[in-house]
C-alpha atoms as a PDB file:
ATOM      1  CA  MET A   1     -44.099  24.640  19.623  1.00  0.00           C
ATOM      2  CA  THR A   2     -42.439  22.360  16.873  1.00  0.00           C
ATOM      3  CA  LYS A   3     -40.597  19.403  17.982  1.00  0.00           C
ATOM      4  CA  ALA A   4     -38.452  17.577  15.205  1.00  0.00           C
ATOM      5  CA  PHE A   5     -36.240  14.890  15.083  1.00  0.00           C
ATOM      6  CA  VAL A   6     -33.522  13.418  12.875  1.00  0.00           C
ATOM      7  CA  PHE A   7     -32.039   9.855  12.968  1.00  0.00           C
ATOM      8  CA  GLY A   8     -29.185   7.849  11.880  1.00  0.00           C
ATOM      9  CA  LYS A   9     -26.590   5.270  12.729  1.00  0.00           C
ATOM     10  CA  PHE A  10     -23.778   8.206  13.062  1.00  0.00           C
ATOM     11  CA  LEU A  11     -21.221   5.585  12.404  1.00  0.00           C
ATOM     12  CA  PRO A  12     -19.122   7.676  12.606  1.00  0.00           C
ATOM     13  CA  PHE A  13     -20.704  11.239  13.440  1.00  0.00           C
ATOM     14  CA  HIS A  14     -19.374  13.635  10.803  1.00  0.00           C
ATOM     15  CA  ARG A  15     -19.452  17.099   9.808  1.00  0.00           C
ATOM     16  CA  GLY A  16     -22.275  16.382   7.237  1.00  0.00           C
ATOM     17  CA  HIS A  17     -24.403  14.973  10.228  1.00  0.00           C
ATOM     18  CA  GLU A  18     -23.427  18.119  12.267  1.00  0.00           C
ATOM     19  CA  GLN A  19     -24.611  20.414   9.294  1.00  0.00           C
ATOM     20  CA  LEU A  20     -27.817  18.269   9.068  1.00  0.00           C
ATOM     21  CA  ILE A  21     -28.577  18.909  12.983  1.00  0.00           C
ATOM     22  CA  ARG A  22     -27.886  22.804  12.786  1.00  0.00           C
ATOM     23  CA  PHE A  23     -30.356  23.081   9.587  1.00  0.00           C
ATOM     24  CA  ALA A  24     -32.937  21.060  11.666  1.00  0.00           C
ATOM     25  CA  LEU A  25     -32.598  23.366  14.555  1.00  0.00           C
ATOM     26  CA  ARG A  26     -33.535  26.241  12.333  1.00  0.00           C
ATOM     27  CA  HIS A  27     -36.847  24.622  11.480  1.00  0.00           C
ATOM     28  CA  CYS A  28     -37.860  23.718  15.108  1.00  0.00           C
ATOM     29  CA  ASP A  29     -38.036  24.524  19.026  1.00  0.00           C
ATOM     30  CA  GLN A  30     -36.660  21.325  20.206  1.00  0.00           C
ATOM     31  CA  LEU A  31     -34.848  18.471  18.302  1.00  0.00           C
ATOM     32  CA  THR A  32     -34.329  14.760  19.228  1.00  0.00           C
ATOM     33  CA  VAL A  33     -31.426  13.222  17.550  1.00  0.00           C
ATOM     34  CA  LEU A  34     -32.086   9.598  17.471  1.00  0.00           C
ATOM     35  CA  VAL A  35     -28.874   7.381  17.441  1.00  0.00           C
ATOM     36  CA  CYS A  36     -29.996   4.050  15.988  1.00  0.00           C
ATOM     37  CA  ALA A  37     -27.396   1.156  17.133  1.00  0.00           C
ATOM     38  CA  SER A  38     -27.783  -2.292  16.202  1.00  0.00           C
ATOM     39  CA  ASP A  39     -26.395  -5.318  18.033  1.00  0.00           C
ATOM     40  CA  GLN A  40     -24.381  -6.352  15.391  1.00  0.00           C
ATOM     41  CA  GLU A  41     -22.225  -3.216  14.848  1.00  0.00           C
ATOM     42  CA  THR A  42     -18.926  -2.669  16.628  1.00  0.00           C
ATOM     43  CA  VAL A  43     -18.938   0.896  17.827  1.00  0.00           C
ATOM     44  CA  PRO A  44     -21.074   1.247  20.936  1.00  0.00           C
ATOM     45  CA  GLY A  45     -24.163   3.272  20.727  1.00  0.00           C
ATOM     46  CA  PRO A  46     -23.486   5.161  23.966  1.00  0.00           C
ATOM     47  CA  LEU A  47     -20.093   6.402  22.597  1.00  0.00           C
ATOM     48  CA  ARG A  48     -21.960   7.727  19.443  1.00  0.00           C
ATOM     49  CA  GLN A  49     -24.470   9.251  21.578  1.00  0.00           C
ATOM     50  CA  GLN A  50     -21.723  11.006  23.482  1.00  0.00           C
ATOM     51  CA  TRP A  51     -20.184  12.381  20.373  1.00  0.00           C
ATOM     52  CA  ILE A  52     -23.135  14.220  19.588  1.00  0.00           C
ATOM     53  CA  GLN A  53     -23.685  15.500  23.157  1.00  0.00           C
ATOM     54  CA  GLU A  54     -20.131  16.867  23.287  1.00  0.00           C
ATOM     55  CA  THR A  55     -20.501  18.494  20.116  1.00  0.00           C
ATOM     56  CA  PHE A  56     -23.880  20.186  20.911  1.00  0.00           C
ATOM     57  CA  ALA A  57     -22.953  20.603  24.502  1.00  0.00           C
ATOM     58  CA  THR A  58     -23.830  24.295  24.421  1.00  0.00           C
ATOM     59  CA  GLU A  59     -27.060  23.836  22.503  1.00  0.00           C
ATOM     60  CA  PRO A  60     -30.015  23.509  24.940  1.00  0.00           C
ATOM     61  CA  ARG A  61     -32.595  22.541  22.259  1.00  0.00           C
ATOM     62  CA  VAL A  62     -31.006  19.232  21.217  1.00  0.00           C
ATOM     63  CA  ARG A  63     -31.723  16.079  23.033  1.00  0.00           C
ATOM     64  CA  VAL A  64     -29.904  13.074  21.982  1.00  0.00           C
ATOM     65  CA  GLN A  65     -31.469   9.840  22.312  1.00  0.00           C
ATOM     66  CA  LEU A  66     -30.343   6.235  21.994  1.00  0.00           C
ATOM     67  CA  LEU A  67     -32.148   3.365  20.337  1.00  0.00           C
ATOM     68  CA  GLU A  68     -30.376   0.170  20.358  1.00  0.00           C
ATOM     69  CA  TYR A  69     -32.142  -2.526  18.524  1.00  0.00           C
ATOM     70  CA  GLN A  70     -31.816  -6.121  17.371  1.00  0.00           C
ATOM     71  CA  GLU A  71     -31.198  -6.809  13.597  1.00  0.00           C
ATOM     72  CA  SER A  72     -33.636  -9.738  14.083  1.00  0.00           C
ATOM     73  CA  GLU A  73     -36.257  -7.163  14.880  1.00  0.00           C
ATOM     74  CA  LEU A  74     -35.442  -4.053  12.870  1.00  0.00           C
ATOM     75  CA  PRO A  75     -34.010  -4.128   9.459  1.00  0.00           C
ATOM     76  CA  ASN A  76     -30.637  -2.659   9.327  1.00  0.00           C
ATOM     77  CA  THR A  77     -30.325  -0.858   6.108  1.00  0.00           C
ATOM     78  CA  SER A  78     -30.450   2.527   4.278  1.00  0.00           C
ATOM     79  CA  GLU A  79     -32.257   1.454   1.346  1.00  0.00           C
ATOM     80  CA  THR A  80     -35.116   3.603   0.203  1.00  0.00           C
ATOM     81  CA  SER A  81     -38.191   1.141   0.602  1.00  0.00           C
ATOM     82  CA  LEU A  82     -41.632   1.514   1.894  1.00  0.00           C
ATOM     83  CA  PRO A  83     -41.706  -1.607   3.737  1.00  0.00           C
ATOM     84  CA  VAL A  84     -38.415  -0.634   5.580  1.00  0.00           C
ATOM     85  CA  ALA A  85     -39.854   2.908   6.058  1.00  0.00           C
ATOM     86  CA  THR A  86     -43.002   1.665   7.146  1.00  0.00           C
ATOM     87  CA  ILE A  87     -41.515  -0.533   9.918  1.00  0.00           C
ATOM     88  CA  TRP A  88     -39.097   2.309  11.154  1.00  0.00           C
ATOM     89  CA  ALA A  89     -41.989   4.831  11.132  1.00  0.00           C
ATOM     90  CA  ASP A  90     -44.080   2.908  13.295  1.00  0.00           C
ATOM     91  CA  ARG A  91     -41.298   2.576  15.947  1.00  0.00           C
ATOM     92  CA  PHE A  92     -40.222   6.154  15.470  1.00  0.00           C
ATOM     93  CA  ARG A  93     -43.954   7.144  16.428  1.00  0.00           C
ATOM     94  CA  GLN A  94     -43.868   5.017  19.382  1.00  0.00           C
ATOM     95  CA  LEU A  95     -40.492   6.719  20.674  1.00  0.00           C
ATOM     96  CA  LEU A  96     -41.280  10.221  19.617  1.00  0.00           C
ATOM     97  CA  PRO A  97     -45.196  10.777  19.693  1.00  0.00           C
ATOM     98  CA  ASN A  98     -44.838  14.532  20.100  1.00  0.00           C
ATOM     99  CA  CYS A  99     -42.789  15.247  16.893  1.00  0.00           C
ATOM    100  CA  THR A 100     -44.326  16.941  14.074  1.00  0.00           C
ATOM    101  CA  LEU A 101     -41.182  17.205  11.601  1.00  0.00           C
ATOM    102  CA  VAL A 102     -38.468  14.671  10.676  1.00  0.00           C
ATOM    103  CA  VAL A 103     -35.395  16.299   8.926  1.00  0.00           C
ATOM    104  CA  THR A 104     -33.273  13.885   6.746  1.00  0.00           C
ATOM    105  CA  SER A 105     -30.892  13.829   3.779  1.00  0.00           C
ATOM    106  CA  GLU A 106     -32.170  10.698   2.305  1.00  0.00           C
ATOM    107  CA  PRO A 107     -34.798   9.895  -0.097  1.00  0.00           C
ATOM    108  CA  TYR A 108     -36.780   7.970   2.566  1.00  0.00           C
ATOM    109  CA  GLY A 109     -37.540  10.787   4.702  1.00  0.00           C
ATOM    110  CA  GLU A 110     -40.745  11.393   2.542  1.00  0.00           C
ATOM    111  CA  LEU A 111     -41.864   7.747   3.116  1.00  0.00           C
ATOM    112  CA  VAL A 112     -41.087   7.999   6.729  1.00  0.00           C
ATOM    113  CA  ALA A 113     -43.007  11.345   7.190  1.00  0.00           C
ATOM    114  CA  ALA A 114     -45.871  10.046   5.249  1.00  0.00           C
ATOM    115  CA  ARG A 115     -46.311   6.939   7.426  1.00  0.00           C
ATOM    116  CA  MET A 116     -45.993   8.962  10.605  1.00  0.00           C
ATOM    117  CA  GLY A 117     -48.465  11.575   9.359  1.00  0.00           C
ATOM    118  CA  ILE A 118     -45.752  14.614   9.865  1.00  0.00           C
ATOM    119  CA  ARG A 119     -43.945  16.941   7.955  1.00  0.00           C
ATOM    120  CA  HIS A 120     -40.734  16.302   6.139  1.00  0.00           C
ATOM    121  CA  VAL A 121     -37.843  18.797   5.344  1.00  0.00           C
ATOM    122  CA  ALA A 122     -34.735  17.495   3.226  1.00  0.00           C
ATOM    123  CA  PHE A 123     -31.274  18.972   3.794  1.00  0.00           C
ATOM    124  CA  ASP A 124     -28.378  18.486   1.035  1.00  0.00           C
ATOM    125  CA  VAL A 125     -29.684  15.096  -0.394  1.00  0.00           C
ATOM    126  CA  ALA A 126     -27.162  15.461  -3.173  1.00  0.00           C
ATOM    127  CA  ARG A 127     -24.088  16.001  -0.584  1.00  0.00           C
ATOM    128  CA  ARG A 128     -23.098  19.254  -2.258  1.00  0.00           C
ATOM    129  CA  GLN A 129     -22.625  21.346   1.093  1.00  0.00           C
ATOM    130  CA  VAL A 130     -20.748  18.684   2.743  1.00  0.00           C
ATOM    131  CA  PRO A 131     -19.330  15.894   0.443  1.00  0.00           C
ATOM    132  CA  VAL A 132     -18.791  13.088   2.680  1.00  0.00           C
ATOM    133  CA  SER A 133     -20.221   9.939   3.982  1.00  0.00           C
ATOM    134  CA  ALA A 134     -19.729   7.590   7.061  1.00  0.00           C
ATOM    135  CA  THR A 135     -19.040   5.034   4.519  1.00  0.00           C
ATOM    136  CA  LEU A 136     -15.985   6.865   2.826  1.00  0.00           C
ATOM    137  CA  ILE A 137     -14.781   7.929   6.350  1.00  0.00           C
ATOM    138  CA  ARG A 138     -14.562   4.233   7.321  1.00  0.00           C
ATOM    139  CA  ALA A 139     -12.721   3.170   4.202  1.00  0.00           C
ATOM    140  CA  ASP A 140     -10.157   6.079   4.417  1.00  0.00           C
ATOM    141  CA  ARG A 141      -9.976   7.711   7.671  1.00  0.00           C
ATOM    142  CA  GLN A 142      -7.003   9.852   6.944  1.00  0.00           C
ATOM    143  CA  ARG A 143      -8.262  11.363   3.492  1.00  0.00           C
ATOM    144  CA  TYR A 144     -11.465  12.470   5.297  1.00  0.00           C
ATOM    145  CA  TRP A 145     -10.348  13.111   8.734  1.00  0.00           C
ATOM    146  CA  PRO A 146     -11.135  17.083   8.418  1.00  0.00           C
ATOM    147  CA  PHE A 147     -14.697  15.938   8.445  1.00  0.00           C
ATOM    148  CA  LEU A 148     -14.659  14.429  11.728  1.00  0.00           C
ATOM    149  CA  PRO A 149     -15.519  16.542  14.826  1.00  0.00           C
ATOM    150  CA  ALA A 150     -13.269  16.622  17.806  1.00  0.00           C
ATOM    151  CA  SER A 151     -15.285  14.688  19.857  1.00  0.00           C
ATOM    152  CA  VAL A 152     -15.243  11.715  17.295  1.00  0.00           C
ATOM    153  CA  ARG A 153     -11.371  11.814  16.625  1.00  0.00           C
ATOM    154  CA  PRO A 154      -9.864  10.113  19.468  1.00  0.00           C
ATOM    155  CA  TYR A 155     -11.626   6.967  18.609  1.00  0.00           C
ATOM    156  CA  TYR A 156     -10.525   6.952  15.092  1.00  0.00           C
ATOM    157  CA  CYS A 157      -6.975   8.446  15.685  1.00  0.00           C
ATOM    158  CA  ARG A 158      -4.042   5.775  15.637  1.00  0.00           C
ATOM    159  CA  LYS A 159      -1.341   6.081  18.126  1.00  0.00           C
ATOM    160  CA  VAL A 160       2.202   4.928  17.768  1.00  0.00           C
ATOM    161  CA  VAL A 161       4.408   4.875  20.985  1.00  0.00           C
ATOM    162  CA  ILE A 162       8.316   4.603  20.491  1.00  0.00           C
ATOM    163  CA  LEU A 163       9.672   3.014  23.705  1.00  0.00           C
ATOM    164  CA  GLY A 164      13.252   2.281  24.835  1.00  0.00           C
ATOM    165  CA  ALA A 165      15.869   2.918  27.660  1.00  0.00           C
ATOM    166  CA  GLU A 166      17.970   6.312  27.547  1.00  0.00           C
ATOM    167  CA  SER A 167      20.039   7.134  24.741  1.00  0.00           C
ATOM    168  CA  THR A 168      18.314   4.446  22.202  1.00  0.00           C
ATOM    169  CA  GLY A 169      17.252   7.168  19.772  1.00  0.00           C
ATOM    170  CA  LYS A 170      13.598   7.522  20.886  1.00  0.00           C
ATOM    171  CA  THR A 171      13.309  11.236  19.988  1.00  0.00           C
ATOM    172  CA  THR A 172      15.038  11.016  16.859  1.00  0.00           C
ATOM    173  CA  LEU A 173      12.977   7.976  15.475  1.00  0.00           C
ATOM    174  CA  ALA A 174       9.607   9.596  16.836  1.00  0.00           C
ATOM    175  CA  THR A 175      10.441  12.921  15.008  1.00  0.00           C
ATOM    176  CA  GLU A 176      11.542  11.214  11.804  1.00  0.00           C
ATOM    177  CA  LEU A 177       8.314   9.028  11.845  1.00  0.00           C
ATOM    178  CA  ALA A 178       6.016  11.917  12.341  1.00  0.00           C
ATOM    179  CA  ALA A 179       7.810  13.937   9.389  1.00  0.00           C
ATOM    180  CA  HIS A 180       7.559  10.922   6.976  1.00  0.00           C
ATOM    181  CA  PHE A 181       3.843  10.162   7.659  1.00  0.00           C
ATOM    182  CA  GLY A 182       2.792  14.192   8.288  1.00  0.00           C
ATOM    183  CA  ALA A 183       1.682  13.023  11.591  1.00  0.00           C
ATOM    184  CA  THR A 184       1.302  14.759  14.907  1.00  0.00           C
ATOM    185  CA  LEU A 185       4.314  14.487  17.117  1.00  0.00           C
ATOM    186  CA  VAL A 186       4.125  14.071  21.124  1.00  0.00           C
ATOM    187  CA  LEU A 187       7.292  14.805  22.446  1.00  0.00           C
ATOM    188  CA  GLU A 188       8.430  13.307  25.825  1.00  0.00           C
ATOM    189  CA  ALA A 189       7.089  15.687  28.566  1.00  0.00           C
ATOM    190  CA  ALA A 190      10.005  14.472  30.956  1.00  0.00           C
ATOM    191  CA  ARG A 191      12.704  16.310  29.124  1.00  0.00           C
ATOM    192  CA  ASP A 192      10.783  19.849  29.611  1.00  0.00           C
ATOM    193  CA  LEU A 193       9.997  18.904  33.559  1.00  0.00           C
ATOM    194  CA  ILE A 194      13.214  16.959  34.901  1.00  0.00           C
ATOM    195  CA  ALA A 195      16.455  18.272  34.101  1.00  0.00           C
ATOM    196  CA  ASP A 196      18.427  15.471  35.239  1.00  0.00           C
ATOM    197  CA  SER A 197      17.561  11.681  35.124  1.00  0.00           C
ATOM    198  CA  ASN A 198      19.564  11.135  38.342  1.00  0.00           C
ATOM    199  CA  HIS A 199      17.434  13.533  40.427  1.00  0.00           C
ATOM    200  CA  PHE A 200      13.731  13.433  40.662  1.00  0.00           C
ATOM    201  CA  THR A 201      10.890  12.787  42.994  1.00  0.00           C
ATOM    202  CA  PRO A 202       7.506  10.881  42.842  1.00  0.00           C
ATOM    203  CA  ASP A 203       5.961  14.273  42.628  1.00  0.00           C
ATOM    204  CA  ASP A 204       8.040  15.131  39.597  1.00  0.00           C
ATOM    205  CA  LEU A 205       7.024  11.704  37.813  1.00  0.00           C
ATOM    206  CA  GLN A 206       3.293  12.680  38.727  1.00  0.00           C
ATOM    207  CA  GLN A 207       3.663  15.719  36.710  1.00  0.00           C
ATOM    208  CA  VAL A 208       5.236  13.960  33.743  1.00  0.00           C
ATOM    209  CA  VAL A 209       2.414  11.582  33.644  1.00  0.00           C
ATOM    210  CA  ALA A 210      -0.215  14.602  33.957  1.00  0.00           C
ATOM    211  CA  GLU A 211       1.459  16.717  31.103  1.00  0.00           C
ATOM    212  CA  HIS A 212       2.103  13.792  28.867  1.00  0.00           C
ATOM    213  CA  THR A 213      -1.294  12.798  29.320  1.00  0.00           C
ATOM    214  CA  ARG A 214      -2.521  16.261  28.361  1.00  0.00           C
ATOM    215  CA  ARG A 215      -0.431  16.276  25.374  1.00  0.00           C
ATOM    216  CA  ILE A 216      -1.823  13.073  23.988  1.00  0.00           C
ATOM    217  CA  ALA A 217      -5.338  14.027  24.736  1.00  0.00           C
ATOM    218  CA  GLN A 218      -4.733  17.143  22.830  1.00  0.00           C
ATOM    219  CA  ALA A 219      -3.047  15.595  20.143  1.00  0.00           C
ATOM    220  CA  VAL A 220      -5.554  12.603  19.154  1.00  0.00           C
ATOM    221  CA  ARG A 221      -8.300  15.645  18.874  1.00  0.00           C
ATOM    222  CA  GLY A 222      -6.135  17.575  16.453  1.00  0.00           C
ATOM    223  CA  GLY A 223      -5.680  17.807  12.579  1.00  0.00           C
ATOM    224  CA  GLN A 224      -4.100  14.450  11.865  1.00  0.00           C
ATOM    225  CA  ALA A 225      -5.209  10.839  11.892  1.00  0.00           C
ATOM    226  CA  LEU A 226      -2.013   9.748  13.068  1.00  0.00           C
ATOM    227  CA  VAL A 227      -0.077  10.595  16.197  1.00  0.00           C
ATOM    228  CA  ILE A 228       3.487   9.458  16.810  1.00  0.00           C
ATOM    229  CA  ILE A 229       4.322   9.529  20.838  1.00  0.00           C
ATOM    230  CA  ASP A 230       7.733   9.505  22.276  1.00  0.00           C
ATOM    231  CA  THR A 231       7.696   7.447  25.522  1.00  0.00           C
ATOM    232  CA  ASP A 232       4.587   6.892  27.570  1.00  0.00           C
ATOM    233  CA  VAL A 233       3.127   6.186  31.342  1.00  0.00           C
ATOM    234  CA  HIS A 234       4.778   2.789  31.559  1.00  0.00           C
ATOM    235  CA  ILE A 235       8.137   4.031  30.907  1.00  0.00           C
ATOM    236  CA  THR A 236       7.546   6.774  33.981  1.00  0.00           C
ATOM    237  CA  GLN A 237       6.210   3.849  35.770  1.00  0.00           C
ATOM    238  CA  SER A 238       9.501   1.948  35.319  1.00  0.00           C
ATOM    239  CA  TYR A 239      11.543   4.853  36.709  1.00  0.00           C
ATOM    240  CA  ALA A 240       9.305   4.976  39.738  1.00  0.00           C
ATOM    241  CA  HIS A 241       9.770   1.215  40.282  1.00  0.00           C
ATOM    242  CA  LEU A 242      13.540   1.128  39.547  1.00  0.00           C
ATOM    243  CA  THR A 243      14.028   4.222  42.140  1.00  0.00           C
ATOM    244  CA  TRP A 244      11.535   3.142  44.844  1.00  0.00           C
ATOM    245  CA  GLY A 245      10.353  -0.166  44.288  1.00  0.00           C
ATOM    246  CA  ARG A 246       6.588   0.850  43.552  1.00  0.00           C
ATOM    247  CA  GLU A 247       4.542   2.237  40.790  1.00  0.00           C
ATOM    248  CA  LEU A 248       2.912   5.421  40.950  1.00  0.00           C
ATOM    249  CA  ALA A 249      -0.788   6.081  41.627  1.00  0.00           C
ATOM    250  CA  VAL A 250      -2.357   6.214  37.811  1.00  0.00           C
ATOM    251  CA  SER A 251      -5.980   6.335  37.123  1.00  0.00           C
ATOM    252  CA  PRO A 252      -7.407   3.911  34.609  1.00  0.00           C
ATOM    253  CA  ALA A 253      -8.506   6.741  32.592  1.00  0.00           C
ATOM    254  CA  VAL A 254      -4.580   7.810  32.172  1.00  0.00           C
ATOM    255  CA  TYR A 255      -3.759   4.332  30.860  1.00  0.00           C
ATOM    256  CA  ALA A 256      -6.666   4.575  28.515  1.00  0.00           C
ATOM    257  CA  THR A 257      -5.320   7.805  27.204  1.00  0.00           C
ATOM    258  CA  HIS A 258      -1.887   6.369  26.419  1.00  0.00           C
ATOM    259  CA  ARG A 259      -3.072   3.204  25.071  1.00  0.00           C
ATOM    260  CA  ALA A 260      -1.705   2.979  21.593  1.00  0.00           C
ATOM    261  CA  ASP A 261      -2.434   0.663  18.473  1.00  0.00           C
ATOM    262  CA  LEU A 262       1.377  -0.086  17.982  1.00  0.00           C
ATOM    263  CA  TYR A 263       4.411  -0.071  20.392  1.00  0.00           C
ATOM    264  CA  LEU A 264       8.032   0.219  19.052  1.00  0.00           C
ATOM    265  CA  TYR A 265      10.552  -0.707  21.556  1.00  0.00           C
ATOM    266  CA  LEU A 266      14.154   0.234  20.673  1.00  0.00           C
ATOM    267  CA  ALA A 267      16.683  -2.295  21.820  1.00  0.00           C
ATOM    268  CA  ALA A 268      19.869  -0.685  23.872  1.00  0.00           C
ATOM    269  CA  ASP A 269      22.363  -2.165  21.351  1.00  0.00           C
ATOM    270  CA  VAL A 270      23.399   1.343  20.010  1.00  0.00           C
ATOM    271  CA  PRO A 271      26.547   3.284  21.316  1.00  0.00           C
ATOM    272  CA  PHE A 272      25.762   5.068  24.655  1.00  0.00           C
ATOM    273  CA  VAL A 273      25.788   8.974  24.328  1.00  0.00           C
ATOM    274  CA  GLN A 274      25.898  10.861  27.586  1.00  0.00           C
ATOM    275  CA  ASP A 275      24.669  14.179  27.295  1.00  0.00           C
ATOM    276  CA  GLY A 276      25.208  14.980  31.179  1.00  0.00           C
ATOM    277  CA  THR A 277      21.682  14.449  32.054  1.00  0.00           C
ATOM    278  CA  ARG A 278      21.373  10.807  31.664  1.00  0.00           C
ATOM    279  CA  LEU A 279      21.827   7.629  33.670  1.00  0.00           C
ATOM    280  CA  SER A 280      25.143   5.977  33.077  1.00  0.00           C
ATOM    281  CA  ALA A 281      25.711   3.174  30.429  1.00  0.00           C
ATOM    282  CA  THR A 282      25.362   0.563  33.164  1.00  0.00           C
ATOM    283  CA  GLU A 283      22.183   1.976  34.452  1.00  0.00           C
ATOM    284  CA  ARG A 284      20.852   2.030  31.079  1.00  0.00           C
ATOM    285  CA  GLN A 285      21.182  -1.687  30.854  1.00  0.00           C
ATOM    286  CA  ARG A 286      19.278  -2.072  34.288  1.00  0.00           C
ATOM    287  CA  LEU A 287      16.518   0.574  32.924  1.00  0.00           C
ATOM    288  CA  ASP A 288      16.223  -1.405  29.868  1.00  0.00           C
ATOM    289  CA  HIS A 289      15.508  -4.506  31.788  1.00  0.00           C
ATOM    290  CA  SER A 290      13.010  -2.599  34.067  1.00  0.00           C
ATOM    291  CA  HIS A 291      10.988  -1.135  31.064  1.00  0.00           C
ATOM    292  CA  ARG A 292      10.567  -4.538  29.655  1.00  0.00           C
ATOM    293  CA  GLN A 293       9.462  -6.087  32.926  1.00  0.00           C
ATOM    294  CA  MET A 294       6.804  -2.989  33.190  1.00  0.00           C
ATOM    295  CA  LEU A 295       5.534  -3.693  29.817  1.00  0.00           C
ATOM    296  CA  GLN A 296       5.132  -7.193  30.455  1.00  0.00           C
ATOM    297  CA  ARG A 297       3.402  -6.394  33.955  1.00  0.00           C
ATOM    298  CA  HIS A 298       0.929  -4.477  31.853  1.00  0.00           C
ATOM    299  CA  ASN A 299       0.480  -6.549  28.987  1.00  0.00           C
ATOM    300  CA  VAL A 300       2.058  -4.483  26.582  1.00  0.00           C
ATOM    301  CA  ALA A 301       3.695  -6.448  23.768  1.00  0.00           C
ATOM    302  CA  PRO A 302       6.027  -3.831  21.479  1.00  0.00           C
ATOM    303  CA  GLU A 303       7.614  -4.548  18.032  1.00  0.00           C
ATOM    304  CA  GLU A 304      11.346  -4.598  18.737  1.00  0.00           C
ATOM    305  CA  LEU A 305      13.610  -2.669  16.701  1.00  0.00           C
ATOM    306  CA  SER A 306      17.244  -3.214  16.450  1.00  0.00           C
ATOM    307  CA  GLY A 307      20.506  -2.617  14.397  1.00  0.00           C
ATOM    308  CA  SER A 308      21.441   0.668  12.632  1.00  0.00           C
ATOM    309  CA  TRP A 309      19.564   3.654  12.905  1.00  0.00           C
ATOM    310  CA  VAL A 310      18.773   3.230   9.015  1.00  0.00           C
ATOM    311  CA  GLN A 311      17.473  -0.639   9.751  1.00  0.00           C
ATOM    312  CA  ARG A 312      15.220   0.740  12.668  1.00  0.00           C
ATOM    313  CA  LEU A 313      13.728   3.647  10.802  1.00  0.00           C
ATOM    314  CA  ALA A 314      12.882   1.285   8.057  1.00  0.00           C
ATOM    315  CA  ARG A 315      11.467  -1.420  10.012  1.00  0.00           C
ATOM    316  CA  ALA A 316       9.168   1.263  11.919  1.00  0.00           C
ATOM    317  CA  VAL A 317       8.128   2.825   8.652  1.00  0.00           C
ATOM    318  CA  ALA A 318       6.833  -0.743   7.613  1.00  0.00           C
ATOM    319  CA  LEU A 319       5.027  -1.323  10.836  1.00  0.00           C
ATOM    320  CA  VAL A 320       3.486   1.723  10.728  1.00  0.00           C
ATOM    321  CA  GLU A 321       2.312   1.464   7.005  1.00  0.00           C
ATOM    322  CA  GLN A 322       0.983  -2.038   8.018  1.00  0.00           C
ATOM    323  CA  LEU A 323      -0.975  -0.467  10.888  1.00  0.00           C
ATOM    324  CA  LEU A 324      -2.446   2.045   8.730  1.00  0.00           C
ATOM    325  CA  THR A 325      -4.058  -0.339   6.280  1.00  0.00           C
ATOM    326  CA  GLN A 326      -5.826  -2.112   9.168  1.00  0.00           C
END
């Protein structure tokens, strides 16, 4: 039985890494994927481990192991150097004494294998099969988004949420922003589940939260690095609190799914349009106050947009552009 391993930072894990692992599986019976995470890196090692485990959940021959280390003890570098390869090879031999094969896409693979006294097989060192690197992805996630597996995308996806009371143009702005940036659009679930804002039950709102959460979770794993979201769980909570004086029971996981990188709040300073399903104009002001209180209670600090529709759109575009450069 051949036991092999591959190793890397996987910062982030991408299609090139995935193909490396699939290539390695053709040369062994059992494969250990060793995630090397230093104390100075911002992406948690367990999360990187989870990305690979999810991607290979149906492959029983793959075991994903985490090595968390201190940079004061092990060199954090990808350079091809005999001293560096020697240090790492000695640690690998301690961790994986039964492995007889290492598979890499790096020149230092030969040095590691020689020190360990095992065989090395190289895969796509020139990066021709999958022309990407973690460095390129970190520099421009939008351009290289197709190279990220679905398991990784939620972490790197940028979410923008449009908030506000009824008849303030949330759906219109969300639609225009999504079109402008070529982003994925998540529309408000309540429109599909509640026919009239004057008549709903707590169960109705729980269904809204569940469906909206499902839509967001699906969108952030999709084909675009930017997701524009029309309304979120805080607004649903505001309706509940305004109507019954209490919030819905919502899990931390739901709040985590809804958490955004940018919140845009539309002021209620535009003409009110009654479409037959909305609260009254007077109730809109109460709702606006309730929404603001709910956001403050949950430590959400949105950027407020006011003025004409043109002014709101221009300001929103500028804020999203600023987000995408971060």
